């Protein structure tokens, strides 16, 4: 049997800033394709959210990661480019004060992932899960494209 492909777009509803675990839904879809082995490529179709593989057992890991990101990319202002201690507001705020910080956070993380598929499921470590990381404060409807190539 030769290589086959399957392409799907998932829509996820977030609750605002934070992590939404998506690997169970991805695994259900992979099983429905009948493909048992291959590669799944994921793309978040937005510029203000990310995809990440991270801890699935201890929620403190995700809490610490979110707190670190908040410290690195403040919600309302950033340091002056001249090295002074003054803060200035982000210039891009078309969709609210969390607009530009969300773009920066997605630029620092990843909007794509490529994962192996074995026995009709994602190949993840025992403590790993796939998350959509929402960087906007308000709930959002997010689309993720999934392209599976395998046999």
Protein backbone atom coordinates (compact mmCIF):
# COMPACT_ATOMS: atom_id res chain seq x y z
CA UNK A 1 0.00 0.00 0.00
CA UNK A 2 1.36 3.45 -0.93
CA UNK A 3 1.32 6.65 1.03
CA UNK A 4 -2.03 8.31 1.60
CA UNK A 5 -2.96 11.76 2.82
CA UNK A 6 -5.72 13.22 4.94
CA UNK A 7 -6.34 16.91 5.57
CA UNK A 8 -8.69 18.33 8.20
CA UNK A 9 -9.33 21.67 9.86
CA UNK A 10 -10.30 21.53 13.51
CA UNK A 11 -12.11 24.32 15.32
CA UNK A 12 -11.44 24.75 19.02
CA UNK A 13 -13.16 27.10 21.47
CA UNK A 14 -10.78 28.53 24.05
CA UNK A 15 -11.72 29.98 27.42
CA UNK A 16 -9.30 32.87 27.03
CA UNK A 17 -5.64 32.92 27.96
CA UNK A 18 -4.31 29.47 28.79
CA UNK A 19 -3.81 25.95 27.51
CA UNK A 20 -6.34 23.73 25.75
CA UNK A 21 -5.37 20.08 25.39
CA UNK A 22 -6.09 18.91 21.83
CA UNK A 23 -4.35 15.53 21.39
CA UNK A 24 -7.42 13.40 22.31
CA UNK A 25 -9.42 14.97 19.46
CA UNK A 26 -6.47 14.63 17.09
CA UNK A 27 -6.12 10.94 17.98
CA UNK A 28 -9.85 10.31 17.34
CA UNK A 29 -9.49 11.85 13.89
CA UNK A 30 -6.27 9.93 13.12
CA UNK A 31 -8.02 6.64 13.99
CA UNK A 32 -10.95 7.58 11.74
CA UNK A 33 -8.62 7.97 8.73
CA UNK A 34 -7.48 4.34 8.88
CA UNK A 35 -3.84 5.43 8.60
CA UNK A 36 -1.68 3.56 11.09
CA UNK A 37 1.79 5.04 10.60
CA UNK A 38 3.03 8.36 9.31
CA UNK A 39 3.56 12.02 10.12
CA UNK A 40 0.98 14.56 11.29
CA UNK A 41 1.75 18.21 10.58
CA UNK A 42 -0.27 20.77 12.55
CA UNK A 43 -0.61 24.50 11.81
CA UNK A 44 -2.42 27.04 13.98
CA UNK A 45 -4.19 29.32 11.51
CA UNK A 46 -3.87 32.42 13.70
CA UNK A 47 -1.13 34.87 14.73
CA UNK A 48 -2.10 35.14 18.39
CA UNK A 49 -2.07 31.54 19.61
CA UNK A 50 0.50 28.73 19.60
CA UNK A 51 0.88 24.98 19.57
CA UNK A 52 3.07 23.27 22.15
CA UNK A 53 3.96 19.84 23.48
CA UNK A 54 4.20 19.90 27.24
CA UNK A 55 3.53 18.25 30.59
CA UNK A 56 0.17 16.47 30.91
CA UNK A 57 0.23 15.34 34.53
CA UNK A 58 1.17 18.28 36.75
CA UNK A 59 -0.81 21.46 35.97
CA UNK A 60 1.79 23.52 37.85
CA UNK A 61 4.09 23.15 34.82
CA UNK A 62 1.58 24.97 32.61
CA UNK A 63 0.96 27.56 35.34
CA UNK A 64 4.70 28.24 35.63
CA UNK A 65 5.07 28.43 31.85
CA UNK A 66 2.21 30.95 31.63
CA UNK A 67 3.71 33.02 34.49
CA UNK A 68 7.11 33.03 32.76
CA UNK A 69 5.52 34.22 29.51
CA UNK A 70 3.65 36.96 31.38
CA UNK A 71 6.96 38.19 32.82
CA UNK A 72 8.78 38.05 29.48
CA UNK A 73 5.97 39.68 27.48
CA UNK A 74 4.01 42.05 29.75
CA UNK A 75 0.35 42.49 28.92
CA UNK A 76 0.17 46.27 28.70
CA UNK A 77 3.63 47.72 28.09
CA UNK A 78 7.20 46.97 27.15
CA UNK A 79 10.58 48.37 28.07
CA UNK A 80 11.87 51.37 26.20
CA UNK A 81 14.23 50.60 23.34
CA UNK A 82 16.74 53.22 24.60
CA UNK A 83 17.58 51.12 27.67
CA UNK A 84 15.81 53.36 30.15
CA UNK A 85 13.54 51.92 32.80
CA UNK A 86 10.45 53.62 31.40
CA UNK A 87 7.62 51.54 30.00
CA UNK A 88 5.66 52.37 26.88
CA UNK A 89 2.37 51.09 25.59
CA UNK A 90 2.31 48.80 22.59
CA UNK A 91 1.43 50.72 19.44
CA UNK A 92 -0.58 47.89 17.84
CA UNK A 93 -3.78 47.57 19.87
CA UNK A 94 -6.45 47.30 17.16
CA UNK A 95 -8.25 44.48 18.97
CA UNK A 96 -7.52 45.61 22.50
CA UNK A 97 -4.57 45.87 24.88
CA UNK A 98 -3.82 42.13 24.64
CA UNK A 99 -3.46 42.27 20.83
CA UNK A 100 0.27 42.97 20.45
CA UNK A 101 1.40 40.86 23.43
CA UNK A 102 -0.43 37.89 21.87
CA UNK A 103 1.43 38.40 18.58
CA UNK A 104 4.78 38.56 20.38
CA UNK A 105 4.00 35.43 22.40
CA UNK A 106 3.08 33.46 19.29
CA UNK A 107 6.29 34.67 17.58
CA UNK A 108 8.33 33.38 20.54
CA UNK A 109 6.66 29.97 20.53
CA UNK A 110 5.43 27.88 17.59
CA UNK A 111 2.40 27.77 15.35
CA UNK A 112 3.37 24.46 13.74
CA UNK A 113 4.22 20.98 15.00
CA UNK A 114 5.14 17.79 13.17
CA UNK A 115 4.52 14.56 15.08
CA UNK A 116 4.97 10.88 14.36
CA UNK A 117 1.94 8.62 14.18
CA UNK A 118 2.35 4.98 15.25
CA UNK A 119 -0.42 2.37 15.53
CA UNK A 120 -3.00 5.02 14.59
CA UNK A 121 -2.12 7.48 17.37
CA UNK A 122 0.30 10.31 18.04
CA UNK A 123 3.65 9.13 19.34
CA UNK A 124 4.00 11.08 22.59
CA UNK A 125 5.96 10.44 25.74
CA UNK A 126 4.09 9.26 28.82
CA UNK A 127 3.98 12.78 30.31
CA UNK A 128 3.41 14.67 27.05
CA UNK A 129 0.30 16.24 25.55
CA UNK A 130 -0.40 18.61 22.65
CA UNK A 131 -1.86 21.97 23.62
CA UNK A 132 -3.25 24.97 21.84
CA UNK A 133 -1.85 27.90 23.84
CA UNK A 134 -4.26 30.82 23.74
CA UNK A 135 -2.54 34.18 24.19
CA UNK A 136 -5.64 36.42 24.04
CA UNK A 137 -7.55 37.34 27.21
CA UNK A 138 -11.03 36.68 25.80
CA UNK A 139 -12.36 33.32 24.57
CA UNK A 140 -11.59 32.68 20.90
CA UNK A 141 -12.59 30.24 18.16
CA UNK A 142 -9.35 28.83 16.80
CA UNK A 143 -8.67 26.74 13.70
CA UNK A 144 -5.88 24.21 13.44
CA UNK A 145 -5.04 22.51 10.14
CA UNK A 146 -3.97 18.87 10.38
CA UNK A 147 -2.20 17.19 7.44
CA UNK A 148 -1.58 13.47 7.90
CA UNK A 149 0.67 11.57 5.50
CA UNK A 150 1.13 7.86 6.02
CA UNK A 151 -0.05 4.34 5.40
